[in-house]
Amino acid sequence: MLVVQGNLANTYQYLARLDDALRLRREVYAGVLKINGEKHIVTFIEATSLSNLLVDLERNEEAKSLLRRMLPVARRVIGENTEVTIRMRQIYARSLVPRAGAALDDLREAVTTLEDTDRIARRVFGSAHPIVGGIRRDLEKMRTYLQQST
């Protein structure tokens, strides 16, 4: 049932029915957390999906809170060199910098996080991988924001 709800959440997100997508994402995350616990790959994947949607909805504080709780667990359980951990780090960096602006320390942390994530992703996937391209775009955007703020 949780898989079906996750697929439906993806469809809602694709159709820009973001409130419906968020409701289902929360239910799916809570369900997999209850069934699998916080140290399971499916829980990490759902935390990643939920946090990504939260950032898209500019609910950055909630996304940061979730990722600050789950990212250290993911690093310990599945390691730094997995797609899920890399995506979590990228989303975490994005959560630090809301569209309306960010504190200088948050911008610096976002740039540092993305630089490290870019290095890991290029080593793991190679420079031509789409995930690496997304990280590079986010990194350039954050560097531009940082330059504008200093």
C-alpha atoms as a PDB file:
ATOM      1  CA  MET A   1       0.000   0.000   0.000  1.00  0.00           C
ATOM      2  CA  LEU A   2       2.850   2.392   0.832  1.00  0.00           C
ATOM      3  CA  VAL A   3       4.388   1.794  -2.607  1.00  0.00           C
ATOM      4  CA  VAL A   4       1.094   2.693  -4.282  1.00  0.00           C
ATOM      5  CA  GLN A   5       0.765   5.812  -2.123  1.00  0.00           C
ATOM      6  CA  GLY A   6       4.345   6.792  -3.013  1.00  0.00           C
ATOM      7  CA  ASN A   7       3.585   6.391  -6.707  1.00  0.00           C
ATOM      8  CA  LEU A   8       0.414   8.436  -6.308  1.00  0.00           C
ATOM      9  CA  ALA A   9       2.431  11.140  -4.502  1.00  0.00           C
ATOM     10  CA  ASN A  10       4.834  11.202  -7.473  1.00  0.00           C
ATOM     11  CA  THR A  11       1.868  11.630  -9.829  1.00  0.00           C
ATOM     12  CA  TYR A  12       0.400  14.440  -7.730  1.00  0.00           C
ATOM     13  CA  GLN A  13       3.776  16.154  -7.666  1.00  0.00           C
ATOM     14  CA  TYR A  14       4.095  15.830 -11.447  1.00  0.00           C
ATOM     15  CA  LEU A  15       0.617  17.347 -11.827  1.00  0.00           C
ATOM     16  CA  ALA A  16       1.543  20.218  -9.468  1.00  0.00           C
ATOM     17  CA  ARG A  17      -0.985  19.056  -6.868  1.00  0.00           C
ATOM     18  CA  LEU A  18       1.636  19.691  -4.240  1.00  0.00           C
ATOM     19  CA  ASP A  19      -0.600  19.738  -1.172  1.00  0.00           C
ATOM     20  CA  ASP A  20      -1.926  16.286  -2.070  1.00  0.00           C
ATOM     21  CA  ALA A  21       1.596  15.086  -2.795  1.00  0.00           C
ATOM     22  CA  LEU A  22       2.828  16.387   0.558  1.00  0.00           C
ATOM     23  CA  ARG A  23       0.011  14.716   2.478  1.00  0.00           C
ATOM     24  CA  LEU A  24       0.807  11.366   0.874  1.00  0.00           C
ATOM     25  CA  ARG A  25       4.586  11.796   1.209  1.00  0.00           C
ATOM     26  CA  ARG A  26       4.148  12.367   4.950  1.00  0.00           C
ATOM     27  CA  GLU A  27       1.960   9.262   5.244  1.00  0.00           C
ATOM     28  CA  VAL A  28       4.413   7.117   3.283  1.00  0.00           C
ATOM     29  CA  TYR A  29       7.402   8.336   5.295  1.00  0.00           C
ATOM     30  CA  ALA A  30       5.585   7.735   8.597  1.00  0.00           C
ATOM     31  CA  GLY A  31       4.545   4.276   7.401  1.00  0.00           C
ATOM     32  CA  VAL A  32       7.979   3.113   6.308  1.00  0.00           C
ATOM     33  CA  LEU A  33       9.505   4.580   9.448  1.00  0.00           C
ATOM     34  CA  LYS A  34       7.050   2.604  11.569  1.00  0.00           C
ATOM     35  CA  ILE A  35       7.536  -0.638   9.611  1.00  0.00           C
ATOM     36  CA  ASN A  36      11.285  -0.495   8.907  1.00  0.00           C
ATOM     37  CA  GLY A  37      12.708   1.865  11.515  1.00  0.00           C
ATOM     38  CA  GLU A  38      15.095   4.720  10.786  1.00  0.00           C
ATOM     39  CA  LYS A  39      18.042   2.533   9.710  1.00  0.00           C
ATOM     40  CA  HIS A  40      16.543   1.095   6.535  1.00  0.00           C
ATOM     41  CA  ILE A  41      17.248   2.048   2.927  1.00  0.00           C
ATOM     42  CA  VAL A  42      13.537   2.501   2.148  1.00  0.00           C
ATOM     43  CA  THR A  43      13.245   4.938   5.050  1.00  0.00           C
ATOM     44  CA  PHE A  44      16.208   6.913   3.680  1.00  0.00           C
ATOM     45  CA  ILE A  45      14.642   6.995   0.219  1.00  0.00           C
ATOM     46  CA  GLU A  46      11.312   8.241   1.573  1.00  0.00           C
ATOM     47  CA  ALA A  47      13.046  10.842   3.767  1.00  0.00           C
ATOM     48  CA  THR A  48      14.820  12.047   0.629  1.00  0.00           C
ATOM     49  CA  SER A  49      11.564  12.261  -1.345  1.00  0.00           C
ATOM     50  CA  LEU A  50       9.760  14.069   1.464  1.00  0.00           C
ATOM     51  CA  SER A  51      12.578  16.544   2.079  1.00  0.00           C
ATOM     52  CA  ASN A  52      12.882  17.292  -1.635  1.00  0.00           C
ATOM     53  CA  LEU A  53       9.178  18.108  -1.818  1.00  0.00           C
ATOM     54  CA  LEU A  54       9.429  20.233   1.329  1.00  0.00           C
ATOM     55  CA  VAL A  55      12.234  22.297  -0.248  1.00  0.00           C
ATOM     56  CA  ASP A  56      10.193  22.670  -3.439  1.00  0.00           C
ATOM     57  CA  LEU A  57       7.354  23.992  -1.263  1.00  0.00           C
ATOM     58  CA  GLU A  58       9.809  26.336   0.506  1.00  0.00           C
ATOM     59  CA  ARG A  59       9.311  24.572   3.827  1.00  0.00           C
ATOM     60  CA  ASN A  60      13.049  24.641   4.335  1.00  0.00           C
ATOM     61  CA  GLU A  61      13.083  24.493   8.122  1.00  0.00           C
ATOM     62  CA  GLU A  62      11.112  21.270   8.132  1.00  0.00           C
ATOM     63  CA  ALA A  63      13.333  19.786   5.412  1.00  0.00           C
ATOM     64  CA  LYS A  64      16.479  20.781   7.329  1.00  0.00           C
ATOM     65  CA  SER A  65      15.155  19.236  10.510  1.00  0.00           C
ATOM     66  CA  LEU A  66      14.334  15.949   8.788  1.00  0.00           C
ATOM     67  CA  LEU A  67      17.676  15.777   6.987  1.00  0.00           C
ATOM     68  CA  ARG A  68      19.707  16.735  10.049  1.00  0.00           C
ATOM     69  CA  ARG A  69      18.098  13.789  11.808  1.00  0.00           C
ATOM     70  CA  MET A  70      18.331  11.256   8.945  1.00  0.00           C
ATOM     71  CA  LEU A  71      21.558  12.158   7.127  1.00  0.00           C
ATOM     72  CA  PRO A  72      23.937  11.052   9.910  1.00  0.00           C
ATOM     73  CA  VAL A  73      22.033   7.772  10.189  1.00  0.00           C
ATOM     74  CA  ALA A  74      22.228   7.212   6.419  1.00  0.00           C
ATOM     75  CA  ARG A  75      25.960   7.965   6.397  1.00  0.00           C
ATOM     76  CA  ARG A  76      26.544   5.457   9.172  1.00  0.00           C
ATOM     77  CA  VAL A  77      24.279   2.724   7.776  1.00  0.00           C
ATOM     78  CA  ILE A  78      24.711   2.922   3.985  1.00  0.00           C
ATOM     79  CA  GLY A  79      27.800   5.134   3.681  1.00  0.00           C
ATOM     80  CA  GLU A  80      28.806   8.341   1.935  1.00  0.00           C
ATOM     81  CA  ASN A  81      29.119   6.876  -1.555  1.00  0.00           C
ATOM     82  CA  THR A  82      25.510   5.920  -2.249  1.00  0.00           C
ATOM     83  CA  GLU A  83      23.047   7.702  -4.483  1.00  0.00           C
ATOM     84  CA  VAL A  84      20.619   8.177  -1.592  1.00  0.00           C
ATOM     85  CA  THR A  85      23.194   9.789   0.704  1.00  0.00           C
ATOM     86  CA  ILE A  86      24.467  11.991  -2.093  1.00  0.00           C
ATOM     87  CA  ARG A  87      20.930  13.157  -2.914  1.00  0.00           C
ATOM     88  CA  MET A  88      20.205  13.784   0.782  1.00  0.00           C
ATOM     89  CA  ARG A  89      23.293  15.990   1.016  1.00  0.00           C
ATOM     90  CA  GLN A  90      22.299  17.921  -2.109  1.00  0.00           C
ATOM     91  CA  ILE A  91      18.776  18.524  -0.816  1.00  0.00           C
ATOM     92  CA  TYR A  92      20.150  19.513   2.590  1.00  0.00           C
ATOM     93  CA  ALA A  93      22.328  22.178   0.937  1.00  0.00           C
ATOM     94  CA  ARG A  94      19.312  23.466  -0.989  1.00  0.00           C
ATOM     95  CA  SER A  95      17.288  23.609   2.243  1.00  0.00           C
ATOM     96  CA  LEU A  96      19.851  25.993   3.750  1.00  0.00           C
ATOM     97  CA  VAL A  97      19.132  28.697   1.181  1.00  0.00           C
ATOM     98  CA  PRO A  98      15.493  29.702   0.794  1.00  0.00           C
ATOM     99  CA  ARG A  99      14.606  31.555  -2.371  1.00  0.00           C
ATOM    100  CA  ALA A 100      13.946  34.728  -0.407  1.00  0.00           C
ATOM    101  CA  GLY A 101      17.546  34.863   0.847  1.00  0.00           C
ATOM    102  CA  ALA A 102      19.846  33.275   3.360  1.00  0.00           C
ATOM    103  CA  ALA A 103      22.265  34.108   6.114  1.00  0.00           C
ATOM    104  CA  LEU A 104      25.915  34.251   5.131  1.00  0.00           C
ATOM    105  CA  ASP A 105      26.784  31.249   7.322  1.00  0.00           C
ATOM    106  CA  ASP A 106      24.044  29.193   5.668  1.00  0.00           C
ATOM    107  CA  LEU A 107      25.324  30.136   2.212  1.00  0.00           C
ATOM    108  CA  ARG A 108      28.844  29.116   3.192  1.00  0.00           C
ATOM    109  CA  GLU A 109      27.602  25.803   4.596  1.00  0.00           C
ATOM    110  CA  ALA A 110      25.583  25.167   1.426  1.00  0.00           C
ATOM    111  CA  VAL A 111      28.620  25.826  -0.802  1.00  0.00           C
ATOM    112  CA  THR A 112      30.904  23.672   1.351  1.00  0.00           C
ATOM    113  CA  THR A 113      28.355  20.845   1.438  1.00  0.00           C
ATOM    114  CA  LEU A 114      27.836  20.955  -2.320  1.00  0.00           C
ATOM    115  CA  GLU A 115      31.576  21.099  -3.051  1.00  0.00           C
ATOM    116  CA  ASP A 116      32.113  17.976  -0.969  1.00  0.00           C
ATOM    117  CA  THR A 117      29.035  16.285  -2.442  1.00  0.00           C
ATOM    118  CA  ASP A 118      30.184  17.139  -5.971  1.00  0.00           C
ATOM    119  CA  ARG A 119      33.586  15.588  -5.328  1.00  0.00           C
ATOM    120  CA  ILE A 120      32.009  12.383  -3.989  1.00  0.00           C
ATOM    121  CA  ALA A 121      29.389  12.179  -6.753  1.00  0.00           C
ATOM    122  CA  ARG A 122      31.971  12.630  -9.515  1.00  0.00           C
ATOM    123  CA  ARG A 123      34.133   9.901  -8.022  1.00  0.00           C
ATOM    124  CA  VAL A 124      31.157   7.539  -7.638  1.00  0.00           C
ATOM    125  CA  PHE A 125      29.190   8.278 -10.839  1.00  0.00           C
ATOM    126  CA  GLY A 126      31.569  10.111 -13.182  1.00  0.00           C
ATOM    127  CA  SER A 127      31.292  13.677 -14.427  1.00  0.00           C
ATOM    128  CA  ALA A 128      28.644  12.966 -17.073  1.00  0.00           C
ATOM    129  CA  HIS A 129      26.049  11.549 -14.662  1.00  0.00           C
ATOM    130  CA  PRO A 130      22.797  13.576 -14.354  1.00  0.00           C
ATOM    131  CA  ILE A 131      23.056  13.703 -10.543  1.00  0.00           C
ATOM    132  CA  VAL A 132      26.479  15.321 -10.878  1.00  0.00           C
ATOM    133  CA  GLY A 133      25.030  17.855 -13.312  1.00  0.00           C
ATOM    134  CA  GLY A 134      22.297  18.777 -10.838  1.00  0.00           C
ATOM    135  CA  ILE A 135      24.798  19.170  -8.020  1.00  0.00           C
ATOM    136  CA  ARG A 136      27.007  21.366 -10.216  1.00  0.00           C
ATOM    137  CA  ARG A 137      24.047  23.604 -11.105  1.00  0.00           C
ATOM    138  CA  ASP A 138      23.095  23.948  -7.444  1.00  0.00           C
ATOM    139  CA  LEU A 139      26.715  24.659  -6.530  1.00  0.00           C
ATOM    140  CA  GLU A 140      27.042  27.408  -9.137  1.00  0.00           C
ATOM    141  CA  LYS A 141      23.775  28.969  -7.960  1.00  0.00           C
ATOM    142  CA  MET A 142      24.934  28.914  -4.323  1.00  0.00           C
ATOM    143  CA  ARG A 143      28.320  30.377  -5.244  1.00  0.00           C
ATOM    144  CA  THR A 144      26.549  33.197  -7.095  1.00  0.00           C
ATOM    145  CA  TYR A 145      24.335  33.876  -4.054  1.00  0.00           C
ATOM    146  CA  LEU A 146      27.413  33.867  -1.832  1.00  0.00           C
ATOM    147  CA  GLN A 147      29.271  36.328  -4.077  1.00  0.00           C
ATOM    148  CA  GLN A 148      26.248  38.632  -4.103  1.00  0.00           C
ATOM    149  CA  SER A 149      26.085  38.533  -0.295  1.00  0.00           C
ATOM    150  CA  THR A 150      29.729  39.406   0.382  1.00  0.00           C
END
